[in-house]
């Protein structure tokens, strides 16, 4: 089941993010839960939060700021279901585009976004800090999906 999360879901959301490492800080998640201009949607199986996505409303666009799935649950279509929900919400908002940025090395996420119709708009050189256990910085790919 996918539903909008609220402040009552703070603990399972923080626990999920700690395992998923999607890049959202605890403060960012808390602010999004309290912000009417943001949606945090969660994918639940039984009473377990298995995935989430954070969507922010911008003046003309919407931005997918984070998407995370428990590592043990990846490859089960949860990310695709969450992305479909995010696209539906952005369309309800009448956003012209859905924007996102992703680590250039995150091939699994890039494939998900490309399959959904996202195209690459640009690149931010050395935007992300090194992944734990590596050296050097990593580029961010800027991607968007036209909605209008």
C-alpha atoms as a PDB file:
ATOM      1  CA  UNK A   1       0.000   0.000   0.000  1.00  0.00           C
ATOM      2  CA  UNK A   2       1.232   3.495  -0.834  1.00  0.00           C
ATOM      3  CA  UNK A   3       0.086   6.459   1.243  1.00  0.00           C
ATOM      4  CA  UNK A   4       1.173   9.935   2.238  1.00  0.00           C
ATOM      5  CA  UNK A   5       3.271   9.940   5.390  1.00  0.00           C
ATOM      6  CA  UNK A   6       2.880  12.379   8.274  1.00  0.00           C
ATOM      7  CA  UNK A   7       4.661  13.209  11.521  1.00  0.00           C
ATOM      8  CA  UNK A   8       3.370  10.001  13.131  1.00  0.00           C
ATOM      9  CA  UNK A   9       5.534   8.060  10.637  1.00  0.00           C
ATOM     10  CA  UNK A  10       8.745   9.875  11.615  1.00  0.00           C
ATOM     11  CA  UNK A  11      10.464   6.936  13.351  1.00  0.00           C
ATOM     12  CA  UNK A  12       9.882   4.307  10.631  1.00  0.00           C
ATOM     13  CA  UNK A  13      10.841   6.882   7.979  1.00  0.00           C
ATOM     14  CA  UNK A  14      14.133   7.724   9.720  1.00  0.00           C
ATOM     15  CA  UNK A  15      14.843   4.010  10.218  1.00  0.00           C
ATOM     16  CA  UNK A  16      14.223   3.321   6.529  1.00  0.00           C
ATOM     17  CA  UNK A  17      16.437   6.206   5.398  1.00  0.00           C
ATOM     18  CA  UNK A  18      19.246   5.034   7.675  1.00  0.00           C
ATOM     19  CA  UNK A  19      19.184   1.700   5.822  1.00  0.00           C
ATOM     20  CA  UNK A  20      18.450   2.999   2.305  1.00  0.00           C
ATOM     21  CA  UNK A  21      20.999   5.862   2.272  1.00  0.00           C
ATOM     22  CA  UNK A  22      19.069   7.876  -0.317  1.00  0.00           C
ATOM     23  CA  UNK A  23      20.721  11.094   0.829  1.00  0.00           C
ATOM     24  CA  UNK A  24      17.902  12.781   2.735  1.00  0.00           C
ATOM     25  CA  UNK A  25      18.887  14.109   6.150  1.00  0.00           C
ATOM     26  CA  UNK A  26      16.688  13.561   9.214  1.00  0.00           C
ATOM     27  CA  UNK A  27      16.050  17.322   9.293  1.00  0.00           C
ATOM     28  CA  UNK A  28      15.028  17.351   5.612  1.00  0.00           C
ATOM     29  CA  UNK A  29      12.602  14.489   6.219  1.00  0.00           C
ATOM     30  CA  UNK A  30      11.085  16.145   9.295  1.00  0.00           C
ATOM     31  CA  UNK A  31      10.649  19.438   7.441  1.00  0.00           C
ATOM     32  CA  UNK A  32       9.003  17.652   4.496  1.00  0.00           C
ATOM     33  CA  UNK A  33       6.563  15.844   6.781  1.00  0.00           C
ATOM     34  CA  UNK A  34       5.452  19.218   8.173  1.00  0.00           C
ATOM     35  CA  UNK A  35       5.402  21.098   4.832  1.00  0.00           C
ATOM     36  CA  UNK A  36       2.161  21.375   2.868  1.00  0.00           C
ATOM     37  CA  UNK A  37       4.251  22.042  -0.277  1.00  0.00           C
ATOM     38  CA  UNK A  38       5.928  18.637   0.013  1.00  0.00           C
ATOM     39  CA  UNK A  39       4.703  15.074  -0.066  1.00  0.00           C
ATOM     40  CA  UNK A  40       6.412  12.120   1.507  1.00  0.00           C
ATOM     41  CA  UNK A  41       4.844   8.904   0.275  1.00  0.00           C
ATOM     42  CA  UNK A  42       5.555   5.522   1.764  1.00  0.00           C
ATOM     43  CA  UNK A  43       5.220   1.975   0.538  1.00  0.00           C
ATOM     44  CA  UNK A  44       3.991  -0.322   3.305  1.00  0.00           C
ATOM     45  CA  UNK A  45       3.822  -4.094   3.411  1.00  0.00           C
ATOM     46  CA  UNK A  46       1.950  -5.219   6.474  1.00  0.00           C
ATOM     47  CA  UNK A  47       3.275  -2.810   9.139  1.00  0.00           C
ATOM     48  CA  UNK A  48       6.739  -2.373   7.607  1.00  0.00           C
ATOM     49  CA  UNK A  49       7.730   0.778   5.714  1.00  0.00           C
ATOM     50  CA  UNK A  50       9.708  -0.666   2.810  1.00  0.00           C
ATOM     51  CA  UNK A  51      10.194   2.430   0.661  1.00  0.00           C
ATOM     52  CA  UNK A  52       9.544   6.142   0.478  1.00  0.00           C
ATOM     53  CA  UNK A  53       9.771   9.085  -1.882  1.00  0.00           C
ATOM     54  CA  UNK A  54      10.027  12.801  -1.103  1.00  0.00           C
ATOM     55  CA  UNK A  55       8.423  15.192  -3.593  1.00  0.00           C
ATOM     56  CA  UNK A  56       8.608  18.996  -3.350  1.00  0.00           C
ATOM     57  CA  UNK A  57       6.284  21.434  -5.092  1.00  0.00           C
ATOM     58  CA  UNK A  58       8.062  24.253  -6.932  1.00  0.00           C
ATOM     59  CA  UNK A  59       6.491  27.268  -8.677  1.00  0.00           C
ATOM     60  CA  UNK A  60       6.162  25.548 -12.075  1.00  0.00           C
ATOM     61  CA  UNK A  61       7.741  22.153 -11.537  1.00  0.00           C
ATOM     62  CA  UNK A  62       7.988  19.385  -8.960  1.00  0.00           C
ATOM     63  CA  UNK A  63      11.237  17.881  -7.666  1.00  0.00           C
ATOM     64  CA  UNK A  64      11.848  14.327  -6.564  1.00  0.00           C
ATOM     65  CA  UNK A  65      14.280  15.021  -3.727  1.00  0.00           C
ATOM     66  CA  UNK A  66      14.760  11.472  -2.464  1.00  0.00           C
ATOM     67  CA  UNK A  67      13.608   7.948  -3.072  1.00  0.00           C
ATOM     68  CA  UNK A  68      14.717   5.039  -0.930  1.00  0.00           C
ATOM     69  CA  UNK A  69      13.918   1.346  -0.643  1.00  0.00           C
ATOM     70  CA  UNK A  70      15.142  -1.057   2.021  1.00  0.00           C
ATOM     71  CA  UNK A  71      18.180  -2.850   0.533  1.00  0.00           C
ATOM     72  CA  UNK A  72      16.629  -6.280   1.146  1.00  0.00           C
ATOM     73  CA  UNK A  73      13.540  -5.219  -0.825  1.00  0.00           C
ATOM     74  CA  UNK A  74      15.244  -3.714  -3.872  1.00  0.00           C
ATOM     75  CA  UNK A  75      14.451  -5.282  -7.221  1.00  0.00           C
ATOM     76  CA  UNK A  76      10.818  -5.977  -6.256  1.00  0.00           C
ATOM     77  CA  UNK A  77       9.269  -3.020  -8.119  1.00  0.00           C
ATOM     78  CA  UNK A  78       8.792  -0.844  -5.038  1.00  0.00           C
ATOM     79  CA  UNK A  79      10.828   2.032  -6.499  1.00  0.00           C
ATOM     80  CA  UNK A  80       8.745   1.889  -9.689  1.00  0.00           C
ATOM     81  CA  UNK A  81       5.489   2.007  -7.725  1.00  0.00           C
ATOM     82  CA  UNK A  82       6.718   4.960  -5.681  1.00  0.00           C
ATOM     83  CA  UNK A  83       7.880   6.772  -8.813  1.00  0.00           C
ATOM     84  CA  UNK A  84       4.483   6.208 -10.451  1.00  0.00           C
ATOM     85  CA  UNK A  85       2.787   7.749  -7.389  1.00  0.00           C
ATOM     86  CA  UNK A  86       5.166  10.730  -7.421  1.00  0.00           C
ATOM     87  CA  UNK A  87       4.421  11.347 -11.119  1.00  0.00           C
ATOM     88  CA  UNK A  88       0.671  11.184 -10.398  1.00  0.00           C
ATOM     89  CA  UNK A  89       0.955  13.706  -7.542  1.00  0.00           C
ATOM     90  CA  UNK A  90       3.107  16.066  -9.650  1.00  0.00           C
ATOM     91  CA  UNK A  91       0.456  15.911 -12.401  1.00  0.00           C
ATOM     92  CA  UNK A  92      -2.266  16.709  -9.831  1.00  0.00           C
ATOM     93  CA  UNK A  93      -0.211  19.762  -8.895  1.00  0.00           C
ATOM     94  CA  UNK A  94      -0.193  20.673 -12.615  1.00  0.00           C
ATOM     95  CA  UNK A  95       3.607  20.743 -12.616  1.00  0.00           C
ATOM     96  CA  UNK A  96       5.166  21.236 -16.025  1.00  0.00           C
ATOM     97  CA  UNK A  97       8.109  18.914 -15.291  1.00  0.00           C
ATOM     98  CA  UNK A  98       9.316  16.499 -12.666  1.00  0.00           C
ATOM     99  CA  UNK A  99      12.967  17.190 -11.850  1.00  0.00           C
ATOM    100  CA  UNK A 100      15.585  15.111 -10.057  1.00  0.00           C
ATOM    101  CA  UNK A 101      19.302  14.658  -9.636  1.00  0.00           C
ATOM    102  CA  UNK A 102      21.054  11.349  -9.189  1.00  0.00           C
ATOM    103  CA  UNK A 103      24.609  10.143  -8.643  1.00  0.00           C
ATOM    104  CA  UNK A 104      26.153   9.385 -12.028  1.00  0.00           C
ATOM    105  CA  UNK A 105      27.250   6.001 -10.705  1.00  0.00           C
ATOM    106  CA  UNK A 106      23.796   4.927  -9.501  1.00  0.00           C
ATOM    107  CA  UNK A 107      22.994   2.841 -12.563  1.00  0.00           C
ATOM    108  CA  UNK A 108      20.009   1.097 -10.966  1.00  0.00           C
ATOM    109  CA  UNK A 109      18.274   4.421 -10.260  1.00  0.00           C
ATOM    110  CA  UNK A 110      19.213   5.886 -13.647  1.00  0.00           C
ATOM    111  CA  UNK A 111      17.701   2.851 -15.394  1.00  0.00           C
ATOM    112  CA  UNK A 112      14.489   3.276 -13.358  1.00  0.00           C
ATOM    113  CA  UNK A 113      14.231   6.939 -14.314  1.00  0.00           C
ATOM    114  CA  UNK A 114      15.009   6.322 -17.984  1.00  0.00           C
ATOM    115  CA  UNK A 115      12.399   3.555 -18.114  1.00  0.00           C
ATOM    116  CA  UNK A 116       9.859   6.072 -16.749  1.00  0.00           C
ATOM    117  CA  UNK A 117      10.718   8.523 -19.554  1.00  0.00           C
ATOM    118  CA  UNK A 118      13.162  10.850 -17.805  1.00  0.00           C
ATOM    119  CA  UNK A 119      15.853  12.413 -19.953  1.00  0.00           C
ATOM    120  CA  UNK A 120      19.246  13.797 -18.968  1.00  0.00           C
ATOM    121  CA  UNK A 121      19.363  17.604 -18.903  1.00  0.00           C
ATOM    122  CA  UNK A 122      22.880  18.172 -17.643  1.00  0.00           C
ATOM    123  CA  UNK A 123      25.556  17.269 -15.179  1.00  0.00           C
ATOM    124  CA  UNK A 124      27.013  18.847 -12.050  1.00  0.00           C
ATOM    125  CA  UNK A 125      30.695  17.951 -11.962  1.00  0.00           C
ATOM    126  CA  UNK A 126      31.974  16.500  -8.683  1.00  0.00           C
ATOM    127  CA  UNK A 127      28.733  17.421  -6.901  1.00  0.00           C
ATOM    128  CA  UNK A 128      28.424  14.494  -4.488  1.00  0.00           C
ATOM    129  CA  UNK A 129      31.010  13.605  -1.837  1.00  0.00           C
ATOM    130  CA  UNK A 130      32.728  10.249  -2.187  1.00  0.00           C
ATOM    131  CA  UNK A 131      30.751   7.173  -1.281  1.00  0.00           C
ATOM    132  CA  UNK A 132      31.944   5.590   1.952  1.00  0.00           C
ATOM    133  CA  UNK A 133      35.068   3.573   1.279  1.00  0.00           C
ATOM    134  CA  UNK A 134      36.009   5.444  -1.904  1.00  0.00           C
ATOM    135  CA  UNK A 135      37.909   8.598  -2.791  1.00  0.00           C
ATOM    136  CA  UNK A 136      37.038  11.482  -5.075  1.00  0.00           C
ATOM    137  CA  UNK A 137      33.733  13.161  -5.701  1.00  0.00           C
ATOM    138  CA  UNK A 138      30.961  12.028  -8.024  1.00  0.00           C
ATOM    139  CA  UNK A 139      28.986  13.881 -10.687  1.00  0.00           C
ATOM    140  CA  UNK A 140      25.246  14.479 -10.386  1.00  0.00           C
ATOM    141  CA  UNK A 141      23.046  13.856 -13.403  1.00  0.00           C
ATOM    142  CA  UNK A 142      20.181  16.308 -13.768  1.00  0.00           C
ATOM    143  CA  UNK A 143      17.112  14.630 -15.216  1.00  0.00           C
ATOM    144  CA  UNK A 144      13.555  15.670 -15.966  1.00  0.00           C
ATOM    145  CA  UNK A 145      10.244  14.254 -17.143  1.00  0.00           C
ATOM    146  CA  UNK A 146       7.877  16.561 -19.061  1.00  0.00           C
ATOM    147  CA  UNK A 147       4.377  16.423 -17.563  1.00  0.00           C
ATOM    148  CA  UNK A 148       2.474  19.150 -19.402  1.00  0.00           C
END
